[in-house]
Amino acid sequence: LATSAGIMPRSPADHTSRLRAVLGPTNPGKTHLAIERLTAHSSGMIGFPLRLLAREVYDKVCAIKGADRVALITGEERIEPKNARWLLCTAEAMPLSADVAFVALDEVQLGADRERGHIFTDRMLHARGREETMLLGSATAEPLIRALLPEAEIVSRPRFSTLSHAGARKLSRIPPRSAIVAFSAEQVYAVAEMLRRFRGGAAVVMGALSPETRNRQVSLYQDGEVDYL
């Protein structure tokens, strides 16, 4: 994986990099900070919990560094230019042998998850950048990080916006530019059909869709062609 993306295998003589955990609630700018640090280094890699998030950040880094120097590596989608220096991956697909200056892992609190926790714990323990390593996640991860990585510097960040609970609401009362979450394919399509009939249309995103279809659906929403996701 690493060499095909243009990154050389990690040297066994790697020195210890700066290890920082940036923790906080949703919307404190953690991912934005990771992108800033990634693009400030000569090479780097970020591992994400979601394919769509990896794809979104891949597009952002391509706009900064150029598509010929950025790789996307997930379990189902692989874009690996020969001269890639910056890698955006799902946590499971991170090539740990890659010798890069910067490494970040997003949503590290998933180390406590019953199904995926072993992957995130392994990445917390072993994924390292030569110069800087950053762990991003919820404040609930702090006890886990202190226990596993006592040498880590822990930085807390506050939320930039106010988060409130609006309670139950009819679809007809949901404002445009909203994302609606359902918990089965049947519910997703039923909600989307209602929105198409009575509101400004909806894009549909589900894990079972192909990467190309998901990306097109997200683009419909981001480009303003539909009002709901």
C-alpha atoms as a PDB file:
ATOM      1  CA  LEU A   1       0.000   0.000   0.000  1.00  0.00           C
ATOM      2  CA  ALA A   2       2.617   2.526   1.048  1.00  0.00           C
ATOM      3  CA  THR A   3       5.065   2.094  -1.784  1.00  0.00           C
ATOM      4  CA  SER A   4       2.349   2.098  -4.456  1.00  0.00           C
ATOM      5  CA  ALA A   5       1.272   5.530  -3.169  1.00  0.00           C
ATOM      6  CA  GLY A   6       4.815   6.853  -3.442  1.00  0.00           C
ATOM      7  CA  ILE A   7       5.588   6.727   0.307  1.00  0.00           C
ATOM      8  CA  MET A   8       8.607   4.717   1.397  1.00  0.00           C
ATOM      9  CA  PRO A   9       8.302   2.079   4.148  1.00  0.00           C
ATOM     10  CA  ARG A  10       8.934   3.260   7.690  1.00  0.00           C
ATOM     11  CA  SER A  11      12.502   2.999   8.902  1.00  0.00           C
ATOM     12  CA  PRO A  12      13.007   0.848  12.003  1.00  0.00           C
ATOM     13  CA  ALA A  13      15.190   3.635  13.424  1.00  0.00           C
ATOM     14  CA  ASP A  14      12.311   6.163  13.629  1.00  0.00           C
ATOM     15  CA  HIS A  15      12.690   8.609  16.490  1.00  0.00           C
ATOM     16  CA  THR A  16       9.797   9.462  18.788  1.00  0.00           C
ATOM     17  CA  SER A  17       7.550  12.185  17.384  1.00  0.00           C
ATOM     18  CA  ARG A  18       5.525  14.754  19.234  1.00  0.00           C
ATOM     19  CA  LEU A  19       2.300  13.072  20.407  1.00  0.00           C
ATOM     20  CA  ARG A  20      -0.728  15.273  20.991  1.00  0.00           C
ATOM     21  CA  ALA A  21      -4.376  14.441  21.740  1.00  0.00           C
ATOM     22  CA  VAL A  22      -6.850  17.168  20.736  1.00  0.00           C
ATOM     23  CA  LEU A  23     -10.130  16.436  22.497  1.00  0.00           C
ATOM     24  CA  GLY A  24     -13.481  18.151  22.693  1.00  0.00           C
ATOM     25  CA  PRO A  25     -17.182  18.057  21.731  1.00  0.00           C
ATOM     26  CA  THR A  26     -18.525  18.183  18.179  1.00  0.00           C
ATOM     27  CA  ASN A  27     -17.609  21.231  16.072  1.00  0.00           C
ATOM     28  CA  PRO A  28     -14.501  22.533  17.871  1.00  0.00           C
ATOM     29  CA  GLY A  29     -12.484  22.577  14.637  1.00  0.00           C
ATOM     30  CA  LYS A  30     -10.478  19.393  15.305  1.00  0.00           C
ATOM     31  CA  THR A  31     -10.598  18.125  11.718  1.00  0.00           C
ATOM     32  CA  HIS A  32      -9.777  21.576  10.337  1.00  0.00           C
ATOM     33  CA  LEU A  33      -6.736  21.692  12.632  1.00  0.00           C
ATOM     34  CA  ALA A  34      -5.633  18.227  11.453  1.00  0.00           C
ATOM     35  CA  ILE A  35      -5.854  19.313   7.805  1.00  0.00           C
ATOM     36  CA  GLU A  36      -3.777  22.412   8.598  1.00  0.00           C
ATOM     37  CA  ARG A  37      -1.101  20.331  10.315  1.00  0.00           C
ATOM     38  CA  LEU A  38      -1.166  17.654   7.569  1.00  0.00           C
ATOM     39  CA  THR A  39      -0.611  20.160   4.765  1.00  0.00           C
ATOM     40  CA  ALA A  40       2.080  21.978   6.743  1.00  0.00           C
ATOM     41  CA  HIS A  41       4.270  18.850   6.697  1.00  0.00           C
ATOM     42  CA  SER A  42       6.216  17.408   3.774  1.00  0.00           C
ATOM     43  CA  SER A  43       4.112  14.227   3.962  1.00  0.00           C
ATOM     44  CA  GLY A  44       1.337  12.854   6.119  1.00  0.00           C
ATOM     45  CA  MET A  45      -1.638  10.595   6.697  1.00  0.00           C
ATOM     46  CA  ILE A  46      -4.997  10.867   8.474  1.00  0.00           C
ATOM     47  CA  GLY A  47      -7.190   7.899   9.427  1.00  0.00           C
ATOM     48  CA  PHE A  48     -10.964   8.439   9.631  1.00  0.00           C
ATOM     49  CA  PRO A  49     -13.871   6.331  10.903  1.00  0.00           C
ATOM     50  CA  LEU A  50     -16.013   6.954   7.783  1.00  0.00           C
ATOM     51  CA  ARG A  51     -15.367   6.538   4.064  1.00  0.00           C
ATOM     52  CA  LEU A  52     -17.347   9.680   3.264  1.00  0.00           C
ATOM     53  CA  LEU A  53     -15.292  11.754   5.686  1.00  0.00           C
ATOM     54  CA  ALA A  54     -12.046  10.421   4.204  1.00  0.00           C
ATOM     55  CA  ARG A  55     -13.365  11.337   0.741  1.00  0.00           C
ATOM     56  CA  GLU A  56     -14.417  14.832   1.841  1.00  0.00           C
ATOM     57  CA  VAL A  57     -11.003  15.608   3.331  1.00  0.00           C
ATOM     58  CA  TYR A  58      -9.284  14.024   0.318  1.00  0.00           C
ATOM     59  CA  ASP A  59     -11.062  16.541  -1.932  1.00  0.00           C
ATOM     60  CA  LYS A  60      -9.980  19.413   0.338  1.00  0.00           C
ATOM     61  CA  VAL A  61      -6.337  18.315   0.416  1.00  0.00           C
ATOM     62  CA  CYS A  62      -6.348  17.788  -3.379  1.00  0.00           C
ATOM     63  CA  ALA A  63      -7.434  21.415  -3.754  1.00  0.00           C
ATOM     64  CA  ILE A  64      -4.434  22.487  -1.644  1.00  0.00           C
ATOM     65  CA  LYS A  65      -1.708  20.087  -2.825  1.00  0.00           C
ATOM     66  CA  GLY A  66      -2.902  18.828  -6.215  1.00  0.00           C
ATOM     67  CA  ALA A  67      -4.597  15.525  -7.041  1.00  0.00           C
ATOM     68  CA  ASP A  68      -1.351  13.986  -8.310  1.00  0.00           C
ATOM     69  CA  ARG A  69       0.183  14.210  -4.825  1.00  0.00           C
ATOM     70  CA  VAL A  70      -2.717  12.997  -2.670  1.00  0.00           C
ATOM     71  CA  ALA A  71      -3.974   9.435  -2.117  1.00  0.00           C
ATOM     72  CA  LEU A  72      -7.357   8.123  -0.959  1.00  0.00           C
ATOM     73  CA  ILE A  73      -7.215   4.651   0.584  1.00  0.00           C
ATOM     74  CA  THR A  74     -10.373   2.997   1.927  1.00  0.00           C
ATOM     75  CA  GLY A  75     -11.689  -0.535   1.939  1.00  0.00           C
ATOM     76  CA  GLU A  76     -13.532   0.001  -1.335  1.00  0.00           C
ATOM     77  CA  GLU A  77     -12.029   3.070  -3.022  1.00  0.00           C
ATOM     78  CA  ARG A  78      -8.337   3.494  -3.866  1.00  0.00           C
ATOM     79  CA  ILE A  79      -6.786   6.468  -5.613  1.00  0.00           C
ATOM     80  CA  GLU A  80      -3.005   6.134  -5.287  1.00  0.00           C
ATOM     81  CA  PRO A  81      -0.915   8.432  -7.499  1.00  0.00           C
ATOM     82  CA  LYS A  82       2.707   7.364  -7.849  1.00  0.00           C
ATOM     83  CA  ASN A  83       4.021  10.579  -6.275  1.00  0.00           C
ATOM     84  CA  ALA A  84       1.447  10.889  -3.464  1.00  0.00           C
ATOM     85  CA  ARG A  85       2.801  12.479  -0.286  1.00  0.00           C
ATOM     86  CA  TRP A  86      -0.441  12.916   1.665  1.00  0.00           C
ATOM     87  CA  LEU A  87      -2.749   9.972   2.403  1.00  0.00           C
ATOM     88  CA  LEU A  88      -6.402  10.127   3.483  1.00  0.00           C
ATOM     89  CA  CYS A  89      -7.636   6.753   4.714  1.00  0.00           C
ATOM     90  CA  THR A  90     -10.196   4.909   6.739  1.00  0.00           C
ATOM     91  CA  ALA A  91      -8.648   3.750  10.012  1.00  0.00           C
ATOM     92  CA  GLU A  92      -8.721   0.119   8.890  1.00  0.00           C
ATOM     93  CA  ALA A  93      -6.920   0.925   5.617  1.00  0.00           C
ATOM     94  CA  MET A  94      -4.092   3.059   7.043  1.00  0.00           C
ATOM     95  CA  PRO A  95      -0.741   1.694   5.750  1.00  0.00           C
ATOM     96  CA  LEU A  96       1.181   1.659   9.030  1.00  0.00           C
ATOM     97  CA  SER A  97       4.474   0.990   7.250  1.00  0.00           C
ATOM     98  CA  ALA A  98       4.302   4.391   5.520  1.00  0.00           C
ATOM     99  CA  ASP A  99       7.162   6.692   6.520  1.00  0.00           C
ATOM    100  CA  VAL A 100       5.418  10.081   6.782  1.00  0.00           C
ATOM    101  CA  ALA A 101       6.131  13.231   8.766  1.00  0.00           C
ATOM    102  CA  PHE A 102       2.625  13.618  10.190  1.00  0.00           C
ATOM    103  CA  VAL A 103      -0.048  11.133  11.283  1.00  0.00           C
ATOM    104  CA  ALA A 104      -3.507  11.821  12.731  1.00  0.00           C
ATOM    105  CA  LEU A 105      -6.298   9.490  13.852  1.00  0.00           C
ATOM    106  CA  ASP A 106      -9.844  10.832  14.052  1.00  0.00           C
ATOM    107  CA  GLU A 107     -12.554   9.833  16.583  1.00  0.00           C
ATOM    108  CA  VAL A 108     -10.174   7.948  18.856  1.00  0.00           C
ATOM    109  CA  GLN A 109     -12.966   7.324  21.392  1.00  0.00           C
ATOM    110  CA  LEU A 110     -13.936   4.461  19.066  1.00  0.00           C
ATOM    111  CA  GLY A 111     -11.116   2.605  20.796  1.00  0.00           C
ATOM    112  CA  ALA A 112     -13.845   1.633  23.280  1.00  0.00           C
ATOM    113  CA  ASP A 113     -16.221   0.324  20.573  1.00  0.00           C
ATOM    114  CA  ARG A 114     -17.065  -3.375  20.830  1.00  0.00           C
ATOM    115  CA  GLU A 115     -16.659  -4.049  17.111  1.00  0.00           C
ATOM    116  CA  ARG A 116     -14.049  -1.582  15.811  1.00  0.00           C
ATOM    117  CA  GLY A 117     -12.246  -0.770  19.036  1.00  0.00           C
ATOM    118  CA  HIS A 118      -9.316  -3.095  18.391  1.00  0.00           C
ATOM    119  CA  ILE A 119      -8.504  -1.242  15.152  1.00  0.00           C
ATOM    120  CA  PHE A 120      -8.575   2.226  16.733  1.00  0.00           C
ATOM    121  CA  THR A 121      -6.605   1.031  19.768  1.00  0.00           C
ATOM    122  CA  ASP A 122      -3.963  -0.506  17.497  1.00  0.00           C
ATOM    123  CA  ARG A 123      -3.689   2.750  15.500  1.00  0.00           C
ATOM    124  CA  MET A 124      -3.411   4.803  18.709  1.00  0.00           C
ATOM    125  CA  LEU A 125      -0.554   2.599  19.872  1.00  0.00           C
ATOM    126  CA  HIS A 126       1.332   2.145  16.600  1.00  0.00           C
ATOM    127  CA  ALA A 127       0.453   4.793  13.970  1.00  0.00           C
ATOM    128  CA  ARG A 128       3.146   7.477  14.247  1.00  0.00           C
ATOM    129  CA  GLY A 129       4.474  10.337  12.175  1.00  0.00           C
ATOM    130  CA  ARG A 130       8.207  11.067  12.147  1.00  0.00           C
ATOM    131  CA  GLU A 131       7.674  14.605  13.419  1.00  0.00           C
ATOM    132  CA  GLU A 132       4.124  14.830  14.776  1.00  0.00           C
ATOM    133  CA  THR A 133       1.259  12.529  15.714  1.00  0.00           C
ATOM    134  CA  MET A 134      -2.212  13.845  16.551  1.00  0.00           C
ATOM    135  CA  LEU A 135      -5.143  11.980  18.100  1.00  0.00           C
ATOM    136  CA  LEU A 136      -8.563  13.607  17.629  1.00  0.00           C
ATOM    137  CA  GLY A 137     -11.722  12.758  19.500  1.00  0.00           C
ATOM    138  CA  SER A 138     -14.256  13.257  22.228  1.00  0.00           C
ATOM    139  CA  ALA A 139     -13.283  14.278  25.749  1.00  0.00           C
ATOM    140  CA  THR A 140     -14.578  10.855  26.825  1.00  0.00           C
ATOM    141  CA  ALA A 141     -11.381   9.399  25.329  1.00  0.00           C
ATOM    142  CA  GLU A 142      -9.131  11.175  27.833  1.00  0.00           C
ATOM    143  CA  PRO A 143      -9.014   8.352  30.456  1.00  0.00           C
ATOM    144  CA  LEU A 144      -8.211   5.836  27.708  1.00  0.00           C
ATOM    145  CA  ILE A 145      -5.401   8.002  26.320  1.00  0.00           C
ATOM    146  CA  ARG A 146      -3.932   8.699  29.761  1.00  0.00           C
ATOM    147  CA  ALA A 147      -3.898   4.971  30.496  1.00  0.00           C
ATOM    148  CA  LEU A 148      -2.432   3.840  27.160  1.00  0.00           C
ATOM    149  CA  LEU A 149      -0.271   6.868  26.272  1.00  0.00           C
ATOM    150  CA  PRO A 150       0.772   8.715  29.438  1.00  0.00           C
ATOM    151  CA  GLU A 151       3.384  10.652  27.440  1.00  0.00           C
ATOM    152  CA  ALA A 152       0.722  12.294  25.240  1.00  0.00           C
ATOM    153  CA  GLU A 153       0.066  16.024  25.553  1.00  0.00           C
ATOM    154  CA  ILE A 154      -3.700  16.539  25.936  1.00  0.00           C
ATOM    155  CA  VAL A 155      -5.308  19.699  24.540  1.00  0.00           C
ATOM    156  CA  SER A 156      -8.996  20.524  25.107  1.00  0.00           C
ATOM    157  CA  ARG A 157     -10.956  22.583  22.571  1.00  0.00           C
ATOM    158  CA  PRO A 158     -14.390  24.173  23.154  1.00  0.00           C
ATOM    159  CA  ARG A 159     -17.328  23.925  20.751  1.00  0.00           C
ATOM    160  CA  PHE A 160     -17.567  26.837  18.307  1.00  0.00           C
ATOM    161  CA  SER A 161     -21.362  26.736  18.096  1.00  0.00           C
ATOM    162  CA  THR A 162     -24.320  26.183  20.407  1.00  0.00           C
ATOM    163  CA  LEU A 163     -25.816  22.702  20.282  1.00  0.00           C
ATOM    164  CA  SER A 164     -29.448  22.319  21.354  1.00  0.00           C
ATOM    165  CA  HIS A 165     -32.161  19.664  21.134  1.00  0.00           C
ATOM    166  CA  ALA A 166     -35.203  20.744  19.111  1.00  0.00           C
ATOM    167  CA  GLY A 167     -37.341  17.714  19.969  1.00  0.00           C
ATOM    168  CA  ALA A 168     -39.520  15.717  17.592  1.00  0.00           C
ATOM    169  CA  ARG A 169     -40.434  17.551  14.403  1.00  0.00           C
ATOM    170  CA  LYS A 170     -42.502  16.812  11.314  1.00  0.00           C
ATOM    171  CA  LEU A 171     -40.658  16.544   8.008  1.00  0.00           C
ATOM    172  CA  SER A 172     -42.691  19.503   6.741  1.00  0.00           C
ATOM    173  CA  ARG A 173     -41.159  21.687   9.461  1.00  0.00           C
ATOM    174  CA  ILE A 174     -37.498  20.774   8.961  1.00  0.00           C
ATOM    175  CA  PRO A 175     -35.628  23.766   7.494  1.00  0.00           C
ATOM    176  CA  PRO A 176     -33.771  23.459   4.165  1.00  0.00           C
ATOM    177  CA  ARG A 177     -30.067  22.496   4.247  1.00  0.00           C
ATOM    178  CA  SER A 178     -30.735  19.824   6.867  1.00  0.00           C
ATOM    179  CA  ALA A 179     -29.333  16.300   7.135  1.00  0.00           C
ATOM    180  CA  ILE A 180     -31.856  13.680   8.230  1.00  0.00           C
ATOM    181  CA  VAL A 181     -30.761  10.358   9.706  1.00  0.00           C
ATOM    182  CA  ALA A 182     -32.844   7.186   9.491  1.00  0.00           C
ATOM    183  CA  PHE A 183     -31.972   3.731  10.752  1.00  0.00           C
ATOM    184  CA  SER A 184     -32.904   1.360   7.941  1.00  0.00           C
ATOM    185  CA  ALA A 185     -32.742   1.430   4.153  1.00  0.00           C
ATOM    186  CA  GLU A 186     -36.550   1.327   4.049  1.00  0.00           C
ATOM    187  CA  GLN A 187     -36.798   4.408   6.267  1.00  0.00           C
ATOM    188  CA  VAL A 188     -34.126   6.273   4.297  1.00  0.00           C
ATOM    189  CA  TYR A 189     -35.970   5.802   0.994  1.00  0.00           C
ATOM    190  CA  ALA A 190     -39.382   6.569   2.550  1.00  0.00           C
ATOM    191  CA  VAL A 191     -38.126   9.861   3.991  1.00  0.00           C
ATOM    192  CA  ALA A 192     -36.379  10.768   0.727  1.00  0.00           C
ATOM    193  CA  GLU A 193     -39.564  10.097  -1.273  1.00  0.00           C
ATOM    194  CA  MET A 194     -41.652  12.303   1.042  1.00  0.00           C
ATOM    195  CA  LEU A 195     -39.124  15.117   0.741  1.00  0.00           C
ATOM    196  CA  ARG A 196     -39.073  14.795  -3.041  1.00  0.00           C
ATOM    197  CA  ARG A 197     -42.855  15.060  -3.187  1.00  0.00           C
ATOM    198  CA  PHE A 198     -43.400  17.968  -0.830  1.00  0.00           C
ATOM    199  CA  ARG A 199     -40.113  19.820  -0.322  1.00  0.00           C
ATOM    200  CA  GLY A 200     -36.930  20.714  -2.200  1.00  0.00           C
ATOM    201  CA  GLY A 201     -35.737  17.208  -2.995  1.00  0.00           C
ATOM    202  CA  ALA A 202     -33.264  14.961  -1.184  1.00  0.00           C
ATOM    203  CA  ALA A 203     -29.964  13.233  -1.824  1.00  0.00           C
ATOM    204  CA  VAL A 204     -29.565   9.726  -0.403  1.00  0.00           C
ATOM    205  CA  VAL A 205     -26.365   8.392   1.160  1.00  0.00           C
ATOM    206  CA  MET A 206     -25.976   4.850   2.483  1.00  0.00           C
ATOM    207  CA  GLY A 207     -22.995   2.594   3.024  1.00  0.00           C
ATOM    208  CA  ALA A 208     -24.378   0.000   0.615  1.00  0.00           C
ATOM    209  CA  LEU A 209     -24.164   2.423  -2.319  1.00  0.00           C
ATOM    210  CA  SER A 210     -21.075   2.432  -4.526  1.00  0.00           C
ATOM    211  CA  PRO A 211     -18.472   5.183  -3.872  1.00  0.00           C
ATOM    212  CA  GLU A 212     -19.336   6.848  -7.201  1.00  0.00           C
ATOM    213  CA  THR A 213     -23.061   6.936  -6.369  1.00  0.00           C
ATOM    214  CA  ARG A 214     -22.472   8.250  -2.837  1.00  0.00           C
ATOM    215  CA  ASN A 215     -20.131  10.952  -4.105  1.00  0.00           C
ATOM    216  CA  ARG A 216     -22.678  12.066  -6.723  1.00  0.00           C
ATOM    217  CA  GLN A 217     -25.441  12.196  -4.120  1.00  0.00           C
ATOM    218  CA  VAL A 218     -23.310  14.282  -1.745  1.00  0.00           C
ATOM    219  CA  SER A 219     -22.422  16.613  -4.616  1.00  0.00           C
ATOM    220  CA  LEU A 220     -26.131  17.166  -5.339  1.00  0.00           C
ATOM    221  CA  TYR A 221     -26.583  18.400  -1.780  1.00  0.00           C
ATOM    222  CA  GLN A 222     -23.346  20.407  -1.588  1.00  0.00           C
ATOM    223  CA  ASP A 223     -24.071  22.116  -4.911  1.00  0.00           C
ATOM    224  CA  GLY A 224     -27.549  23.161  -3.743  1.00  0.00           C
ATOM    225  CA  GLU A 225     -29.462  21.078  -6.299  1.00  0.00           C
ATOM    226  CA  VAL A 226     -31.446  19.497  -3.465  1.00  0.00           C
ATOM    227  CA  ASP A 227     -32.331  20.906  -0.034  1.00  0.00           C
ATOM    228  CA  TYR A 228     -31.921  17.801   2.129  1.00  0.00           C
ATOM    229  CA  LEU A 229     -29.471  14.966   2.698  1.00  0.00           C
END
